[in-house]
Amino acid sequence: MNKSIKKIAIVGPESTGKSTISQLLANHYQVSWVPEYARYYCENLTAPCTLQDEVNMYYGQLALEDAILATTKNNFIICDTTFVTVKIWSDEMLGETPQLVLEALPKRFYDFYLLMDIDLPWQDDPLRNFPNQREYFMEVWHKELKALNANYKVINGIETRLQNAIDAIDDFLKL
């Protein structure tokens, strides 16, 4: 794996435009995009999510990311979320996080995070669970990113969201 490829992660609470923005950013910059594995996984669940499912989603997200890192010709990639989501959901839904996820968190580095703000209207989706806890999850994301000593910027705006994200990435890439 080429260590010089930077990873920019698009993260945040439910219904904040992560998937849309990450695809638009990848198109804008003409770079590779890592989709959110958990969405595909959860669409096929036939029973409530278990700790083993969270482990499976962790491995699936890393496998997707590693495959794209191994084949990209770009100097950075856009990741629609990271496995920090596994930690947040495991803690919230199951009361614990798989140990391998906890051990991997400080070792799996992302160069820059865009934390999507909760200023977009809620969009119902069968895979979304917490329309009334958006502020809480925004606080959780801040806490998790600070615990990783992550370089991140909050992205807000309804009509200006994409441009704000582009401006943040352009500023980051100048470093």
C-alpha atoms as a PDB file:
ATOM      1  CA  MET A   1       0.000   0.000   0.000  1.00  0.00           C
ATOM      2  CA  ASN A   2       1.285   3.428  -0.957  1.00  0.00           C
ATOM      3  CA  LYS A   3       1.676   5.478   2.214  1.00  0.00           C
ATOM      4  CA  SER A   4       1.876   8.754   0.264  1.00  0.00           C
ATOM      5  CA  ILE A   5      -1.807   8.566  -0.663  1.00  0.00           C
ATOM      6  CA  LYS A   6      -3.734  10.827   1.682  1.00  0.00           C
ATOM      7  CA  LYS A   7      -7.078   9.712   3.073  1.00  0.00           C
ATOM      8  CA  ILE A   8      -9.859  12.257   3.523  1.00  0.00           C
ATOM      9  CA  ALA A   9     -12.802  10.921   5.511  1.00  0.00           C
ATOM     10  CA  ILE A  10     -16.340  12.268   5.379  1.00  0.00           C
ATOM     11  CA  VAL A  11     -17.984  11.530   8.735  1.00  0.00           C
ATOM     12  CA  GLY A  12     -20.832  12.602  10.980  1.00  0.00           C
ATOM     13  CA  PRO A  13     -24.242  11.768  12.388  1.00  0.00           C
ATOM     14  CA  GLU A  14     -27.073  10.254  10.367  1.00  0.00           C
ATOM     15  CA  SER A  15     -28.691  12.259   7.576  1.00  0.00           C
ATOM     16  CA  THR A  16     -25.962  14.864   7.200  1.00  0.00           C
ATOM     17  CA  GLY A  17     -25.163  14.259   3.533  1.00  0.00           C
ATOM     18  CA  LYS A  18     -22.008  12.149   3.923  1.00  0.00           C
ATOM     19  CA  SER A  19     -22.595   9.800   0.995  1.00  0.00           C
ATOM     20  CA  THR A  20     -23.775  12.552  -1.340  1.00  0.00           C
ATOM     21  CA  ILE A  21     -20.911  14.898  -0.467  1.00  0.00           C
ATOM     22  CA  SER A  22     -18.272  12.175  -0.650  1.00  0.00           C
ATOM     23  CA  GLN A  23     -19.387  11.182  -4.162  1.00  0.00           C
ATOM     24  CA  LEU A  24     -19.576  14.804  -5.291  1.00  0.00           C
ATOM     25  CA  LEU A  25     -16.113  15.502  -3.890  1.00  0.00           C
ATOM     26  CA  ALA A  26     -14.625  12.435  -5.587  1.00  0.00           C
ATOM     27  CA  ASN A  27     -16.159  13.598  -8.878  1.00  0.00           C
ATOM     28  CA  HIS A  28     -14.985  17.176  -8.350  1.00  0.00           C
ATOM     29  CA  TYR A  29     -11.382  16.141  -7.691  1.00  0.00           C
ATOM     30  CA  GLN A  30     -11.494  13.126 -10.054  1.00  0.00           C
ATOM     31  CA  VAL A  31     -10.193  10.838  -7.292  1.00  0.00           C
ATOM     32  CA  SER A  32     -11.154   7.407  -6.031  1.00  0.00           C
ATOM     33  CA  TRP A  33     -14.030   7.066  -3.592  1.00  0.00           C
ATOM     34  CA  VAL A  34     -14.527   4.475  -0.847  1.00  0.00           C
ATOM     35  CA  PRO A  35     -18.245   3.828  -0.269  1.00  0.00           C
ATOM     36  CA  GLU A  36     -19.754   3.064   3.138  1.00  0.00           C
ATOM     37  CA  TYR A  37     -19.647  -0.716   3.516  1.00  0.00           C
ATOM     38  CA  ALA A  38     -22.101  -0.763   6.436  1.00  0.00           C
ATOM     39  CA  ARG A  39     -24.930   0.515   4.235  1.00  0.00           C
ATOM     40  CA  TYR A  40     -24.635  -2.472   1.892  1.00  0.00           C
ATOM     41  CA  TYR A  41     -24.195  -4.852   4.794  1.00  0.00           C
ATOM     42  CA  CYS A  42     -27.170  -3.580   6.814  1.00  0.00           C
ATOM     43  CA  GLU A  43     -29.488  -3.584   3.796  1.00  0.00           C
ATOM     44  CA  ASN A  44     -29.129  -7.383   3.800  1.00  0.00           C
ATOM     45  CA  LEU A  45     -29.519  -8.034   7.533  1.00  0.00           C
ATOM     46  CA  THR A  46     -32.495 -10.217   8.415  1.00  0.00           C
ATOM     47  CA  ALA A  47     -32.124  -9.917  12.199  1.00  0.00           C
ATOM     48  CA  PRO A  48     -31.049  -7.184  14.637  1.00  0.00           C
ATOM     49  CA  CYS A  49     -27.400  -6.166  14.334  1.00  0.00           C
ATOM     50  CA  THR A  50     -24.996  -8.066  16.605  1.00  0.00           C
ATOM     51  CA  LEU A  51     -21.451  -7.457  17.774  1.00  0.00           C
ATOM     52  CA  GLN A  52     -20.311  -9.954  15.117  1.00  0.00           C
ATOM     53  CA  ASP A  53     -22.089  -7.887  12.473  1.00  0.00           C
ATOM     54  CA  GLU A  54     -20.158  -4.835  13.685  1.00  0.00           C
ATOM     55  CA  VAL A  55     -16.903  -6.811  13.363  1.00  0.00           C
ATOM     56  CA  ASN A  56     -17.935  -7.843   9.845  1.00  0.00           C
ATOM     57  CA  MET A  57     -18.634  -4.207   8.942  1.00  0.00           C
ATOM     58  CA  TYR A  58     -15.239  -3.192  10.344  1.00  0.00           C
ATOM     59  CA  TYR A  59     -13.467  -5.769   8.160  1.00  0.00           C
ATOM     60  CA  GLY A  60     -15.603  -4.880   5.140  1.00  0.00           C
ATOM     61  CA  GLN A  61     -14.865  -1.151   5.396  1.00  0.00           C
ATOM     62  CA  LEU A  62     -11.130  -1.790   5.706  1.00  0.00           C
ATOM     63  CA  ALA A  63     -11.135  -4.250   2.798  1.00  0.00           C
ATOM     64  CA  LEU A  64     -12.897  -1.730   0.535  1.00  0.00           C
ATOM     65  CA  GLU A  65     -10.524   1.029   1.559  1.00  0.00           C
ATOM     66  CA  ASP A  66      -7.409  -1.125   1.143  1.00  0.00           C
ATOM     67  CA  ALA A  67      -8.544  -2.306  -2.303  1.00  0.00           C
ATOM     68  CA  ILE A  68      -9.022   1.271  -3.474  1.00  0.00           C
ATOM     69  CA  LEU A  69      -5.732   2.404  -1.939  1.00  0.00           C
ATOM     70  CA  ALA A  70      -3.947  -0.440  -3.739  1.00  0.00           C
ATOM     71  CA  THR A  71      -5.351   0.482  -7.143  1.00  0.00           C
ATOM     72  CA  THR A  72      -5.724   4.268  -7.140  1.00  0.00           C
ATOM     73  CA  LYS A  73      -3.473   6.456  -9.209  1.00  0.00           C
ATOM     74  CA  ASN A  74      -4.519   9.566  -7.234  1.00  0.00           C
ATOM     75  CA  ASN A  75      -2.572  11.308  -4.471  1.00  0.00           C
ATOM     76  CA  PHE A  76      -5.628  11.211  -2.186  1.00  0.00           C
ATOM     77  CA  ILE A  77      -8.901   9.340  -1.826  1.00  0.00           C
ATOM     78  CA  ILE A  78     -12.291  10.253  -0.386  1.00  0.00           C
ATOM     79  CA  CYS A  79     -13.728   7.857   2.213  1.00  0.00           C
ATOM     80  CA  ASP A  80     -17.473   7.848   2.880  1.00  0.00           C
ATOM     81  CA  THR A  81     -17.090   7.321   6.627  1.00  0.00           C
ATOM     82  CA  THR A  82     -14.528   5.238   8.548  1.00  0.00           C
ATOM     83  CA  PHE A  83     -14.768   2.423  11.029  1.00  0.00           C
ATOM     84  CA  VAL A  84     -15.073   5.006  13.829  1.00  0.00           C
ATOM     85  CA  THR A  85     -18.743   4.603  12.915  1.00  0.00           C
ATOM     86  CA  VAL A  86     -18.502   0.970  14.050  1.00  0.00           C
ATOM     87  CA  LYS A  87     -17.313   2.164  17.460  1.00  0.00           C
ATOM     88  CA  ILE A  88     -20.052   4.762  17.787  1.00  0.00           C
ATOM     89  CA  TRP A  89     -22.833   2.373  16.743  1.00  0.00           C
ATOM     90  CA  SER A  90     -21.496  -0.534  18.783  1.00  0.00           C
ATOM     91  CA  ASP A  91     -21.311   1.635  21.899  1.00  0.00           C
ATOM     92  CA  GLU A  92     -24.795   3.043  21.346  1.00  0.00           C
ATOM     93  CA  MET A  93     -26.687  -0.038  20.158  1.00  0.00           C
ATOM     94  CA  LEU A  94     -24.822  -2.867  21.889  1.00  0.00           C
ATOM     95  CA  GLY A  95     -23.176  -1.180  24.863  1.00  0.00           C
ATOM     96  CA  GLU A  96     -19.630  -2.131  23.856  1.00  0.00           C
ATOM     97  CA  THR A  97     -17.108  -1.976  21.029  1.00  0.00           C
ATOM     98  CA  PRO A  98     -15.283  -5.032  19.673  1.00  0.00           C
ATOM     99  CA  GLN A  99     -11.732  -5.077  21.075  1.00  0.00           C
ATOM    100  CA  LEU A 100     -10.120  -5.320  17.632  1.00  0.00           C
ATOM    101  CA  VAL A 101     -11.855  -2.059  16.651  1.00  0.00           C
ATOM    102  CA  LEU A 102     -10.589  -0.308  19.789  1.00  0.00           C
ATOM    103  CA  GLU A 103      -7.057  -1.544  19.097  1.00  0.00           C
ATOM    104  CA  ALA A 104      -7.179  -0.450  15.445  1.00  0.00           C
ATOM    105  CA  LEU A 105      -8.517   3.080  16.054  1.00  0.00           C
ATOM    106  CA  PRO A 106      -5.198   4.743  16.945  1.00  0.00           C
ATOM    107  CA  LYS A 107      -3.331   2.761  14.259  1.00  0.00           C
ATOM    108  CA  ARG A 108      -5.528   3.474  11.229  1.00  0.00           C
ATOM    109  CA  PHE A 109      -4.700   7.045  10.270  1.00  0.00           C
ATOM    110  CA  TYR A 110      -6.779   9.433   8.197  1.00  0.00           C
ATOM    111  CA  ASP A 111      -5.102  12.650   7.115  1.00  0.00           C
ATOM    112  CA  PHE A 112      -8.175  14.864   7.273  1.00  0.00           C
ATOM    113  CA  TYR A 113     -11.791  14.517   8.335  1.00  0.00           C
ATOM    114  CA  LEU A 114     -14.781  16.551   7.237  1.00  0.00           C
ATOM    115  CA  LEU A 115     -17.383  16.325   9.995  1.00  0.00           C
ATOM    116  CA  MET A 116     -20.781  16.978   8.435  1.00  0.00           C
ATOM    117  CA  ASP A 117     -22.946  19.247  10.554  1.00  0.00           C
ATOM    118  CA  ILE A 118     -26.548  18.461  11.519  1.00  0.00           C
ATOM    119  CA  ASP A 119     -27.967  21.553   9.779  1.00  0.00           C
ATOM    120  CA  LEU A 120     -29.548  19.547   6.931  1.00  0.00           C
ATOM    121  CA  PRO A 121     -33.185  18.485   7.313  1.00  0.00           C
ATOM    122  CA  TRP A 122     -33.676  14.896   8.475  1.00  0.00           C
ATOM    123  CA  GLN A 123     -34.315  12.437   5.627  1.00  0.00           C
ATOM    124  CA  ASP A 124     -36.114   9.234   6.568  1.00  0.00           C
ATOM    125  CA  ASP A 125     -34.318   6.050   5.577  1.00  0.00           C
ATOM    126  CA  PRO A 126     -34.944   2.482   6.796  1.00  0.00           C
ATOM    127  CA  LEU A 127     -31.306   2.303   7.999  1.00  0.00           C
ATOM    128  CA  ARG A 128     -31.501   5.465  10.117  1.00  0.00           C
ATOM    129  CA  ASN A 129     -32.521   5.239  13.756  1.00  0.00           C
ATOM    130  CA  PHE A 130     -32.115   8.489  15.682  1.00  0.00           C
ATOM    131  CA  PRO A 131     -33.911  11.508  14.201  1.00  0.00           C
ATOM    132  CA  ASN A 132     -34.198  13.128  17.640  1.00  0.00           C
ATOM    133  CA  GLN A 133     -30.624  12.547  18.802  1.00  0.00           C
ATOM    134  CA  ARG A 134     -28.657  14.426  16.174  1.00  0.00           C
ATOM    135  CA  GLU A 135     -27.124  16.912  18.653  1.00  0.00           C
ATOM    136  CA  TYR A 136     -26.053  14.032  20.882  1.00  0.00           C
ATOM    137  CA  PHE A 137     -24.355  12.194  18.017  1.00  0.00           C
ATOM    138  CA  MET A 138     -22.669  15.395  16.838  1.00  0.00           C
ATOM    139  CA  GLU A 139     -21.124  15.671  20.320  1.00  0.00           C
ATOM    140  CA  VAL A 140     -20.088  12.008  20.151  1.00  0.00           C
ATOM    141  CA  TRP A 141     -18.342  12.607  16.806  1.00  0.00           C
ATOM    142  CA  HIS A 142     -16.447  15.613  18.221  1.00  0.00           C
ATOM    143  CA  LYS A 143     -15.388  13.494  21.220  1.00  0.00           C
ATOM    144  CA  GLU A 144     -14.221  10.564  19.074  1.00  0.00           C
ATOM    145  CA  LEU A 145     -12.269  12.747  16.644  1.00  0.00           C
ATOM    146  CA  LYS A 146     -10.623  14.647  19.493  1.00  0.00           C
ATOM    147  CA  ALA A 147      -9.694  11.332  21.163  1.00  0.00           C
ATOM    148  CA  LEU A 148      -7.873  10.399  17.934  1.00  0.00           C
ATOM    149  CA  ASN A 149      -6.219  13.828  17.822  1.00  0.00           C
ATOM    150  CA  ALA A 150      -7.742  14.048  14.348  1.00  0.00           C
ATOM    151  CA  ASN A 151      -7.299  16.927  11.952  1.00  0.00           C
ATOM    152  CA  TYR A 152     -10.908  17.833  11.158  1.00  0.00           C
ATOM    153  CA  LYS A 153     -13.220  20.610  10.112  1.00  0.00           C
ATOM    154  CA  VAL A 154     -16.978  20.895  10.573  1.00  0.00           C
ATOM    155  CA  ILE A 155     -18.798  21.416   7.274  1.00  0.00           C
ATOM    156  CA  ASN A 156     -22.174  23.116   7.301  1.00  0.00           C
ATOM    157  CA  GLY A 157     -24.476  24.942   4.937  1.00  0.00           C
ATOM    158  CA  ILE A 158     -27.374  23.695   2.879  1.00  0.00           C
ATOM    159  CA  GLU A 159     -26.733  25.368  -0.489  1.00  0.00           C
ATOM    160  CA  THR A 160     -23.045  25.987   0.295  1.00  0.00           C
ATOM    161  CA  ARG A 161     -22.166  22.580   1.803  1.00  0.00           C
ATOM    162  CA  LEU A 162     -20.295  21.231  -1.220  1.00  0.00           C
ATOM    163  CA  GLN A 163     -18.348  24.458  -1.740  1.00  0.00           C
ATOM    164  CA  ASN A 164     -17.496  24.608   1.973  1.00  0.00           C
ATOM    165  CA  ALA A 165     -16.174  21.040   1.758  1.00  0.00           C
ATOM    166  CA  ILE A 166     -14.136  21.845  -1.369  1.00  0.00           C
ATOM    167  CA  ASP A 167     -12.685  24.940   0.329  1.00  0.00           C
ATOM    168  CA  ALA A 168     -11.716  22.879   3.401  1.00  0.00           C
ATOM    169  CA  ILE A 169     -10.017  20.202   1.274  1.00  0.00           C
ATOM    170  CA  ASP A 170      -8.225  22.820  -0.840  1.00  0.00           C
ATOM    171  CA  ASP A 171      -6.921  24.461   2.350  1.00  0.00           C
ATOM    172  CA  PHE A 172      -5.822  21.064   3.695  1.00  0.00           C
ATOM    173  CA  LEU A 173      -4.049  20.117   0.460  1.00  0.00           C
ATOM    174  CA  LYS A 174      -2.040  23.365   0.549  1.00  0.00           C
ATOM    175  CA  LEU A 175      -0.356  22.208   3.793  1.00  0.00           C
END
